[in-house]
Structures are given as C-alpha cells and as structure tokens.
Amino acid sequence: MKRERTPMDYFELVETFPKRGCALCNLLRRDETRCIDGMVYGFMDTDEMREAFGQSRGLCNEHGWLLKQNKFGNVLGIAKLYAATIGEVLSIIESTPVQSDASAVRPSRLERLLNTERRGSAQPLADRLEPEGRCMVCERIDEREADYVQIIDQYLTDGRFQAAFEQSDGLCLPHFRHVLRHMTDPSRIDLLVTVQTHIWRQLKAEVESFAAKQNYEHADEVTEAEGESWVRAIAGMGGERGVFGMNRRSD
C-alpha cells in the first residue's frame, strides 16, 4: 500500500513552532510577503490583475502599504495599477448623479424627534464606490490560514507535531478560536486546550512576575523571559502585528 505523503505545511508548522510567537501568525506574515512579491514580480501587467485590483479598489490598508516594501521595487507596475483604479473611481463619480437640493435630504419633524435620518442624496454614489471584491492578498492569506488550520486539526496528535507544539508559544487567541471551531475530534480538542492553557498560565505568571519587579529593589532580577512577557502577551491575545488587517476576519 502506497504511503500517504506528508503535506509540506506540516513541516512548515513544525519548523516554525520553535520561533517566538504564534506559528500561524508567523507563517502568514511570511506568506503575505511572498504573495505581494509574487504579484509585483509576475502579475502586475495582466488583464486579470487590473480587473481584480479595480474591483477591490486596490489593496486593503495593511497590504497596500506593504507594496511599498516589495523586494523587486516594481514601482512602475504599482503606479499603473493604481492609476487605473483611480480612473475607475473617477468614472463612477462622473456617472453617478448626486442630489444637490438640500431640501431633498432635510429630515422630517418625526425623523428629528426619533433621532433618525434619511439616507442622504449622496448615498448611491457612496454605495457604488464600495469595493466589489476583497483585497486579493487578504483572500490569499485566508486560504493559507485555512490550510494551516487543517494541518493542525489533522496532525496535532502526531508525535513529532505534538512535541513541537508543546514546546512553542502556542497559538494567539484569534487563531486558537479559529482552530477550535474547526476541530471535531474530542481527543484533539482536549489536547489543544490542555497545551494552550498551560502555555498561557506560564505567560501569565511571567507577566505578573515582571509587573511585581517594577521597582528599584527588584529591577535587576527581571529575567529575559519576564522582560519581554508583556509584548508576548499583546501578541498572544491579539495576534502578531498586522496579521488581522482591516479586511481580514480573526476567526
């Protein structure tokens, strides 16, 4: 019988667990960079890219600014895409009439009493300016996130995988929720909760110890782990910086 090949994402997670922070967050930040670099390098000047870019009104705030850091420096391709996107926005503005009669949007006495307002006459324009599609990087990262969650669900009780996870910083709270919602096997759920609870109890103790030593008598006693514990607590509860951008869901 042919042995099933272990997915590459299994090894990616096992190798990332020893690093500081949530492994999913760390891998997704790497995947963001790869996605943007790949987009800038090979797919900027295509009809498909221009259409998708225009529908999403460019990239979201987080990923749009990451374009500036792409390693290929393809500013010409970026400029062309955004010029086309701005052109589409201007076309929408020019083709959508705006009611300029102030009386047409004046609230009635009843509306004023109820503290409600009518939809302004510029509402149709605002609606048409809404993105017709999601940021393409957000979509790609959501796909990769789902892949990693699937691997954790499938391999958590695997000896090598479990050992690496137990020695890690665990998952951030948003990704912990995400994995919990995906899991159905009771033994894997119990293992995930047990390991993650132990990790967070240890982190809580380090944060409390750090706080207790914030005076001149004990300042020299703060360990390296305690000194960075409050930063790890931020990442542990909210995820690594930038992973959950404005257009991405957290679970």
C-alpha atoms as a PDB file:
ATOM      1  CA  MET A   1       0.000   0.000   0.000  1.00  0.00           C
ATOM      2  CA  LYS A   2       1.368   3.377  -1.005  1.00  0.00           C
ATOM      3  CA  ARG A   3       2.159   5.598   1.968  1.00  0.00           C
ATOM      4  CA  GLU A   4       0.395   8.951   2.009  1.00  0.00           C
ATOM      5  CA  ARG A   5       2.815  11.835   1.557  1.00  0.00           C
ATOM      6  CA  THR A   6       3.014  14.264   4.477  1.00  0.00           C
ATOM      7  CA  PRO A   7       1.944  17.766   3.361  1.00  0.00           C
ATOM      8  CA  MET A   8       4.640  20.437   3.161  1.00  0.00           C
ATOM      9  CA  ASP A   9       2.591  22.634   5.518  1.00  0.00           C
ATOM     10  CA  TYR A  10       3.140  20.011   8.231  1.00  0.00           C
ATOM     11  CA  PHE A  11       6.888  20.615   8.061  1.00  0.00           C
ATOM     12  CA  GLU A  12       6.409  24.375   7.794  1.00  0.00           C
ATOM     13  CA  LEU A  13       4.497  24.379  11.084  1.00  0.00           C
ATOM     14  CA  VAL A  14       6.892  22.013  12.862  1.00  0.00           C
ATOM     15  CA  GLU A  15       9.849  24.200  11.858  1.00  0.00           C
ATOM     16  CA  THR A  16       8.050  27.409  12.840  1.00  0.00           C
ATOM     17  CA  PHE A  17       6.839  26.313  16.296  1.00  0.00           C
ATOM     18  CA  PRO A  18      10.269  26.927  17.940  1.00  0.00           C
ATOM     19  CA  LYS A  19      10.183  30.589  16.897  1.00  0.00           C
ATOM     20  CA  ARG A  20       8.723  33.270  19.150  1.00  0.00           C
ATOM     21  CA  GLY A  21       5.004  33.905  18.755  1.00  0.00           C
ATOM     22  CA  CYS A  22       2.040  32.172  17.175  1.00  0.00           C
ATOM     23  CA  ALA A  23       3.245  29.871  14.389  1.00  0.00           C
ATOM     24  CA  LEU A  24       0.211  30.619  12.236  1.00  0.00           C
ATOM     25  CA  CYS A  25       0.806  34.361  12.536  1.00  0.00           C
ATOM     26  CA  ASN A  26       4.480  33.958  11.654  1.00  0.00           C
ATOM     27  CA  LEU A  27       3.734  31.829   8.607  1.00  0.00           C
ATOM     28  CA  LEU A  28       1.001  34.163   7.414  1.00  0.00           C
ATOM     29  CA  ARG A  29       3.295  37.180   7.654  1.00  0.00           C
ATOM     30  CA  ARG A  30       5.797  35.308   5.521  1.00  0.00           C
ATOM     31  CA  ASP A  31       3.039  34.323   3.091  1.00  0.00           C
ATOM     32  CA  GLU A  32       1.912  37.950   2.852  1.00  0.00           C
ATOM     33  CA  THR A  33       5.377  38.990   1.756  1.00  0.00           C
ATOM     34  CA  ARG A  34       5.612  36.138  -0.734  1.00  0.00           C
ATOM     35  CA  CYS A  35       2.188  36.942  -2.164  1.00  0.00           C
ATOM     36  CA  ILE A  36       2.977  40.614  -2.629  1.00  0.00           C
ATOM     37  CA  ASP A  37       6.435  39.954  -4.071  1.00  0.00           C
ATOM     38  CA  GLY A  38       4.985  37.381  -6.460  1.00  0.00           C
ATOM     39  CA  MET A  39       2.248  39.764  -7.510  1.00  0.00           C
ATOM     40  CA  VAL A  40       4.696  42.603  -8.102  1.00  0.00           C
ATOM     41  CA  TYR A  41       7.177  40.399  -9.952  1.00  0.00           C
ATOM     42  CA  GLY A  42       4.971  38.478 -12.316  1.00  0.00           C
ATOM     43  CA  PHE A  43       1.348  39.504 -12.457  1.00  0.00           C
ATOM     44  CA  MET A  44       1.082  43.283 -12.388  1.00  0.00           C
ATOM     45  CA  ASP A  45       0.525  43.885 -16.091  1.00  0.00           C
ATOM     46  CA  THR A  46      -2.285  41.437 -16.826  1.00  0.00           C
ATOM     47  CA  ASP A  47      -5.955  41.991 -17.586  1.00  0.00           C
ATOM     48  CA  GLU A  48      -6.909  39.674 -14.737  1.00  0.00           C
ATOM     49  CA  MET A  49      -4.841  41.640 -12.243  1.00  0.00           C
ATOM     50  CA  ARG A  50      -6.166  45.004 -13.411  1.00  0.00           C
ATOM     51  CA  GLU A  51      -9.757  43.787 -13.159  1.00  0.00           C
ATOM     52  CA  ALA A  52      -9.316  42.306  -9.681  1.00  0.00           C
ATOM     53  CA  PHE A  53      -7.393  45.362  -8.496  1.00  0.00           C
ATOM     54  CA  GLY A  54     -10.082  47.712  -9.753  1.00  0.00           C
ATOM     55  CA  GLN A  55     -12.912  45.706  -8.204  1.00  0.00           C
ATOM     56  CA  SER A  56     -11.254  45.795  -4.786  1.00  0.00           C
ATOM     57  CA  ARG A  57     -10.277  49.487  -5.181  1.00  0.00           C
ATOM     58  CA  GLY A  58      -6.653  48.497  -4.766  1.00  0.00           C
ATOM     59  CA  LEU A  59      -5.384  46.524  -1.786  1.00  0.00           C
ATOM     60  CA  CYS A  60      -6.577  46.990   1.782  1.00  0.00           C
ATOM     61  CA  ASN A  61      -4.804  49.465   4.053  1.00  0.00           C
ATOM     62  CA  GLU A  62      -2.386  46.926   5.545  1.00  0.00           C
ATOM     63  CA  HIS A  63      -1.428  45.199   2.315  1.00  0.00           C
ATOM     64  CA  GLY A  64      -1.417  48.352   0.215  1.00  0.00           C
ATOM     65  CA  TRP A  65       1.356  49.798   2.338  1.00  0.00           C
ATOM     66  CA  LEU A  66       3.279  46.533   2.161  1.00  0.00           C
ATOM     67  CA  LEU A  67       3.532  47.104  -1.599  1.00  0.00           C
ATOM     68  CA  LYS A  68       5.997  49.872  -0.817  1.00  0.00           C
ATOM     69  CA  GLN A  69       8.323  47.288   0.739  1.00  0.00           C
ATOM     70  CA  ASN A  70       8.316  44.764  -2.118  1.00  0.00           C
ATOM     71  CA  LYS A  71      11.809  43.452  -2.785  1.00  0.00           C
ATOM     72  CA  PHE A  72      11.620  43.888  -6.558  1.00  0.00           C
ATOM     73  CA  GLY A  73      10.940  47.626  -6.458  1.00  0.00           C
ATOM     74  CA  ASN A  74       8.448  47.451  -9.315  1.00  0.00           C
ATOM     75  CA  VAL A  75       7.033  50.916  -8.724  1.00  0.00           C
ATOM     76  CA  LEU A  76       6.010  51.269 -12.381  1.00  0.00           C
ATOM     77  CA  GLY A  77       3.655  48.298 -12.201  1.00  0.00           C
ATOM     78  CA  ILE A  78       2.177  49.541  -8.928  1.00  0.00           C
ATOM     79  CA  ALA A  79       1.722  53.041 -10.351  1.00  0.00           C
ATOM     80  CA  LYS A  80      -0.093  51.703 -13.427  1.00  0.00           C
ATOM     81  CA  LEU A  81      -2.479  49.612 -11.353  1.00  0.00           C
ATOM     82  CA  TYR A  82      -3.368  52.467  -9.040  1.00  0.00           C
ATOM     83  CA  ALA A  83      -3.727  54.906 -11.928  1.00  0.00           C
ATOM     84  CA  ALA A  84      -6.272  52.540 -13.489  1.00  0.00           C
ATOM     85  CA  THR A  85      -8.024  52.127 -10.141  1.00  0.00           C
ATOM     86  CA  ILE A  86      -8.259  55.883  -9.599  1.00  0.00           C
ATOM     87  CA  GLY A  87      -9.574  56.197 -13.148  1.00  0.00           C
ATOM     88  CA  GLU A  88     -12.337  53.721 -12.361  1.00  0.00           C
ATOM     89  CA  VAL A  89     -13.238  55.621  -9.195  1.00  0.00           C
ATOM     90  CA  LEU A  90     -13.417  58.872 -11.157  1.00  0.00           C
ATOM     91  CA  SER A  91     -15.583  57.185 -13.791  1.00  0.00           C
ATOM     92  CA  ILE A  92     -18.025  56.071 -11.097  1.00  0.00           C
ATOM     93  CA  ILE A  93     -18.177  59.581  -9.653  1.00  0.00           C
ATOM     94  CA  GLU A  94     -18.777  61.127 -13.064  1.00  0.00           C
ATOM     95  CA  SER A  95     -21.511  58.644 -13.982  1.00  0.00           C
ATOM     96  CA  THR A  96     -23.436  58.782 -10.707  1.00  0.00           C
ATOM     97  CA  PRO A  97     -25.688  61.813 -10.214  1.00  0.00           C
ATOM     98  CA  VAL A  98     -25.678  63.443  -6.790  1.00  0.00           C
ATOM     99  CA  GLN A  99     -28.790  65.229  -5.496  1.00  0.00           C
ATOM    100  CA  SER A 100     -27.735  68.786  -4.729  1.00  0.00           C
ATOM    101  CA  ASP A 101     -31.129  70.021  -3.473  1.00  0.00           C
ATOM    102  CA  ALA A 102     -30.615  70.473   0.254  1.00  0.00           C
ATOM    103  CA  SER A 103     -34.356  70.308   0.958  1.00  0.00           C
ATOM    104  CA  ALA A 104     -34.491  66.833  -0.534  1.00  0.00           C
ATOM    105  CA  VAL A 105     -32.493  65.402   2.324  1.00  0.00           C
ATOM    106  CA  ARG A 106     -33.878  67.524   5.151  1.00  0.00           C
ATOM    107  CA  PRO A 107     -35.228  65.210   7.883  1.00  0.00           C
ATOM    108  CA  SER A 108     -38.911  65.438   8.770  1.00  0.00           C
ATOM    109  CA  ARG A 109     -40.126  66.519  12.203  1.00  0.00           C
ATOM    110  CA  LEU A 110     -40.880  62.899  13.090  1.00  0.00           C
ATOM    111  CA  GLU A 111     -37.412  61.832  11.988  1.00  0.00           C
ATOM    112  CA  ARG A 112     -35.902  64.570  14.126  1.00  0.00           C
ATOM    113  CA  LEU A 113     -38.000  63.503  17.129  1.00  0.00           C
ATOM    114  CA  LEU A 114     -36.995  59.881  16.642  1.00  0.00           C
ATOM    115  CA  ASN A 115     -33.385  60.934  16.129  1.00  0.00           C
ATOM    116  CA  THR A 116     -33.271  59.184  12.765  1.00  0.00           C
ATOM    117  CA  GLU A 117     -32.011  60.467   9.457  1.00  0.00           C
ATOM    118  CA  ARG A 118     -32.954  59.832   5.882  1.00  0.00           C
ATOM    119  CA  ARG A 119     -30.428  58.299   3.552  1.00  0.00           C
ATOM    120  CA  GLY A 120     -28.571  61.210   2.091  1.00  0.00           C
ATOM    121  CA  SER A 121     -28.804  62.005  -1.581  1.00  0.00           C
ATOM    122  CA  ALA A 122     -25.132  61.039  -1.982  1.00  0.00           C
ATOM    123  CA  GLN A 123     -25.810  57.525  -0.708  1.00  0.00           C
ATOM    124  CA  PRO A 124     -25.980  55.935  -4.193  1.00  0.00           C
ATOM    125  CA  LEU A 125     -22.541  57.333  -5.004  1.00  0.00           C
ATOM    126  CA  ALA A 126     -21.084  56.090  -1.738  1.00  0.00           C
ATOM    127  CA  ASP A 127     -22.574  52.649  -2.391  1.00  0.00           C
ATOM    128  CA  ARG A 128     -21.106  52.453  -5.900  1.00  0.00           C
ATOM    129  CA  LEU A 129     -17.691  53.415  -4.557  1.00  0.00           C
ATOM    130  CA  GLU A 130     -17.681  50.426  -2.211  1.00  0.00           C
ATOM    131  CA  PRO A 131     -15.272  47.652  -3.273  1.00  0.00           C
ATOM    132  CA  GLU A 132     -16.876  44.969  -5.422  1.00  0.00           C
ATOM    133  CA  GLY A 133     -14.292  42.405  -4.330  1.00  0.00           C
ATOM    134  CA  ARG A 134     -11.981  41.738  -1.406  1.00  0.00           C
ATOM    135  CA  CYS A 135      -8.308  42.611  -1.258  1.00  0.00           C
ATOM    136  CA  MET A 136      -6.618  39.818  -3.215  1.00  0.00           C
ATOM    137  CA  VAL A 137      -3.865  39.445  -0.625  1.00  0.00           C
ATOM    138  CA  CYS A 138      -6.440  39.072   2.157  1.00  0.00           C
ATOM    139  CA  GLU A 139      -8.144  36.361   0.124  1.00  0.00           C
ATOM    140  CA  ARG A 140      -4.886  34.502  -0.409  1.00  0.00           C
ATOM    141  CA  ILE A 141      -3.945  34.739   3.264  1.00  0.00           C
ATOM    142  CA  ASP A 142      -7.364  33.408   4.262  1.00  0.00           C
ATOM    143  CA  GLU A 143      -6.739  30.411   2.002  1.00  0.00           C
ATOM    144  CA  ARG A 144      -3.327  29.743   3.540  1.00  0.00           C
ATOM    145  CA  GLU A 145      -4.717  30.184   7.032  1.00  0.00           C
ATOM    146  CA  ALA A 146      -7.357  27.532   6.306  1.00  0.00           C
ATOM    147  CA  ASP A 147      -4.591  25.202   5.083  1.00  0.00           C
ATOM    148  CA  TYR A 148      -2.621  25.580   8.324  1.00  0.00           C
ATOM    149  CA  VAL A 149      -5.708  25.111  10.490  1.00  0.00           C
ATOM    150  CA  GLN A 150      -6.467  21.901   8.613  1.00  0.00           C
ATOM    151  CA  ILE A 151      -2.941  20.618   9.269  1.00  0.00           C
ATOM    152  CA  ILE A 152      -3.192  21.361  12.999  1.00  0.00           C
ATOM    153  CA  ASP A 153      -6.520  19.562  13.157  1.00  0.00           C
ATOM    154  CA  GLN A 154      -5.194  16.565  11.245  1.00  0.00           C
ATOM    155  CA  TYR A 155      -1.756  16.177  12.840  1.00  0.00           C
ATOM    156  CA  LEU A 156      -1.993  17.563  16.377  1.00  0.00           C
ATOM    157  CA  THR A 157      -1.733  14.089  17.925  1.00  0.00           C
ATOM    158  CA  ASP A 158       1.189  13.114  15.667  1.00  0.00           C
ATOM    159  CA  GLY A 159       4.226  12.559  17.902  1.00  0.00           C
ATOM    160  CA  ARG A 160       6.635  14.981  16.241  1.00  0.00           C
ATOM    161  CA  PHE A 161       3.977  17.622  15.639  1.00  0.00           C
ATOM    162  CA  GLN A 162       2.623  17.435  19.185  1.00  0.00           C
ATOM    163  CA  ALA A 163       6.087  17.702  20.728  1.00  0.00           C
ATOM    164  CA  ALA A 164       6.898  20.794  18.654  1.00  0.00           C
ATOM    165  CA  PHE A 165       3.586  22.425  19.559  1.00  0.00           C
ATOM    166  CA  GLU A 166       4.029  21.736  23.276  1.00  0.00           C
ATOM    167  CA  GLN A 167       7.424  23.487  23.234  1.00  0.00           C
ATOM    168  CA  SER A 168       6.110  26.516  21.330  1.00  0.00           C
ATOM    169  CA  ASP A 169       4.454  29.770  22.358  1.00  0.00           C
ATOM    170  CA  GLY A 170       1.185  28.180  21.276  1.00  0.00           C
ATOM    171  CA  LEU A 171      -1.401  29.991  19.199  1.00  0.00           C
ATOM    172  CA  CYS A 172      -2.651  33.532  19.544  1.00  0.00           C
ATOM    173  CA  LEU A 173      -6.213  33.860  20.845  1.00  0.00           C
ATOM    174  CA  PRO A 174      -7.780  34.579  17.413  1.00  0.00           C
ATOM    175  CA  HIS A 175      -6.125  31.523  15.874  1.00  0.00           C
ATOM    176  CA  PHE A 176      -6.930  29.406  18.928  1.00  0.00           C
ATOM    177  CA  ARG A 177     -10.606  30.240  18.416  1.00  0.00           C
ATOM    178  CA  HIS A 178     -10.296  29.503  14.704  1.00  0.00           C
ATOM    179  CA  VAL A 179      -8.787  26.056  15.262  1.00  0.00           C
ATOM    180  CA  LEU A 180     -11.301  25.220  17.993  1.00  0.00           C
ATOM    181  CA  ARG A 181     -14.190  25.990  15.657  1.00  0.00           C
ATOM    182  CA  HIS A 182     -12.696  23.720  13.025  1.00  0.00           C
ATOM    183  CA  MET A 183     -11.952  20.736  15.253  1.00  0.00           C
ATOM    184  CA  THR A 184     -14.443  17.926  15.862  1.00  0.00           C
ATOM    185  CA  ASP A 185     -12.317  15.123  17.340  1.00  0.00           C
ATOM    186  CA  PRO A 186     -12.674  15.161  21.173  1.00  0.00           C
ATOM    187  CA  SER A 187      -9.138  13.903  21.859  1.00  0.00           C
ATOM    188  CA  ARG A 188      -7.565  16.586  19.680  1.00  0.00           C
ATOM    189  CA  ILE A 189      -9.751  19.280  21.208  1.00  0.00           C
ATOM    190  CA  ASP A 190      -8.731  18.189  24.717  1.00  0.00           C
ATOM    191  CA  LEU A 191      -5.058  18.158  23.748  1.00  0.00           C
ATOM    192  CA  LEU A 192      -5.220  21.596  22.134  1.00  0.00           C
ATOM    193  CA  VAL A 193      -6.979  23.144  25.132  1.00  0.00           C
ATOM    194  CA  THR A 194      -4.647  21.462  27.627  1.00  0.00           C
ATOM    195  CA  VAL A 195      -1.451  22.573  25.894  1.00  0.00           C
ATOM    196  CA  GLN A 196      -2.668  26.096  25.171  1.00  0.00           C
ATOM    197  CA  THR A 197      -3.910  26.541  28.747  1.00  0.00           C
ATOM    198  CA  HIS A 198      -0.508  25.511  30.104  1.00  0.00           C
ATOM    199  CA  ILE A 199       1.258  27.963  27.776  1.00  0.00           C
ATOM    200  CA  TRP A 200      -0.960  30.869  28.788  1.00  0.00           C
ATOM    201  CA  ARG A 201      -0.679  30.084  32.504  1.00  0.00           C
ATOM    202  CA  GLN A 202       3.085  30.241  32.179  1.00  0.00           C
ATOM    203  CA  LEU A 203       2.849  33.515  30.247  1.00  0.00           C
ATOM    204  CA  LYS A 204       0.503  34.981  32.861  1.00  0.00           C
ATOM    205  CA  ALA A 205       2.958  34.072  35.611  1.00  0.00           C
ATOM    206  CA  GLU A 206       5.809  35.751  33.729  1.00  0.00           C
ATOM    207  CA  VAL A 207       3.796  38.923  33.139  1.00  0.00           C
ATOM    208  CA  GLU A 208       2.779  39.070  36.801  1.00  0.00           C
ATOM    209  CA  SER A 209       6.369  38.492  37.911  1.00  0.00           C
ATOM    210  CA  PHE A 210       7.553  41.245  35.563  1.00  0.00           C
ATOM    211  CA  ALA A 211       4.968  43.649  36.997  1.00  0.00           C
ATOM    212  CA  ALA A 212       5.884  42.744  40.581  1.00  0.00           C
ATOM    213  CA  LYS A 213       9.560  43.525  39.960  1.00  0.00           C
ATOM    214  CA  GLN A 214       8.970  47.026  38.597  1.00  0.00           C
ATOM    215  CA  ASN A 215      10.677  48.802  41.490  1.00  0.00           C
ATOM    216  CA  TYR A 216      14.269  49.666  42.325  1.00  0.00           C
ATOM    217  CA  GLU A 217      14.651  46.761  44.761  1.00  0.00           C
ATOM    218  CA  HIS A 218      13.935  44.064  42.177  1.00  0.00           C
ATOM    219  CA  ALA A 219      14.670  45.734  38.818  1.00  0.00           C
ATOM    220  CA  ASP A 220      17.881  43.727  38.376  1.00  0.00           C
ATOM    221  CA  GLU A 221      16.027  40.462  38.980  1.00  0.00           C
ATOM    222  CA  VAL A 222      13.868  40.609  35.836  1.00  0.00           C
ATOM    223  CA  THR A 223      14.676  37.679  33.555  1.00  0.00           C
ATOM    224  CA  GLU A 224      14.773  37.937  29.777  1.00  0.00           C
ATOM    225  CA  ALA A 225      11.539  35.943  29.506  1.00  0.00           C
ATOM    226  CA  GLU A 226       9.831  38.219  32.026  1.00  0.00           C
ATOM    227  CA  GLY A 227      11.130  41.357  30.346  1.00  0.00           C
ATOM    228  CA  GLU A 228       9.517  40.501  27.025  1.00  0.00           C
ATOM    229  CA  SER A 229       6.463  38.820  28.522  1.00  0.00           C
ATOM    230  CA  TRP A 230       4.196  41.863  28.220  1.00  0.00           C
ATOM    231  CA  VAL A 231       4.955  42.087  24.480  1.00  0.00           C
ATOM    232  CA  ARG A 232       4.257  38.371  24.075  1.00  0.00           C
ATOM    233  CA  ALA A 233       1.003  38.909  25.966  1.00  0.00           C
ATOM    234  CA  ILE A 234      -0.076  41.544  23.431  1.00  0.00           C
ATOM    235  CA  ALA A 235       0.677  39.152  20.577  1.00  0.00           C
ATOM    236  CA  GLY A 236      -0.891  36.242  22.421  1.00  0.00           C
ATOM    237  CA  MET A 237      -4.231  37.952  22.880  1.00  0.00           C
ATOM    238  CA  GLY A 238      -4.427  39.885  19.605  1.00  0.00           C
ATOM    239  CA  GLY A 239      -2.139  38.102  17.159  1.00  0.00           C
ATOM    240  CA  GLU A 240       1.130  39.294  15.666  1.00  0.00           C
ATOM    241  CA  ARG A 241       1.103  42.832  14.353  1.00  0.00           C
ATOM    242  CA  GLY A 242      -0.648  43.258  11.007  1.00  0.00           C
ATOM    243  CA  VAL A 243      -1.862  39.668  10.610  1.00  0.00           C
ATOM    244  CA  PHE A 244      -5.503  40.541  11.111  1.00  0.00           C
ATOM    245  CA  GLY A 245      -5.737  43.525   8.773  1.00  0.00           C
ATOM    246  CA  MET A 246      -8.842  45.625   8.297  1.00  0.00           C
ATOM    247  CA  ASN A 247     -10.320  43.310   5.661  1.00  0.00           C
ATOM    248  CA  ARG A 248      -9.424  40.015   7.317  1.00  0.00           C
ATOM    249  CA  ARG A 249     -11.501  38.011   9.757  1.00  0.00           C
ATOM    250  CA  SER A 250      -9.937  36.891  13.027  1.00  0.00           C
ATOM    251  CA  ASP A 251     -11.806  33.576  13.235  1.00  0.00           C
END
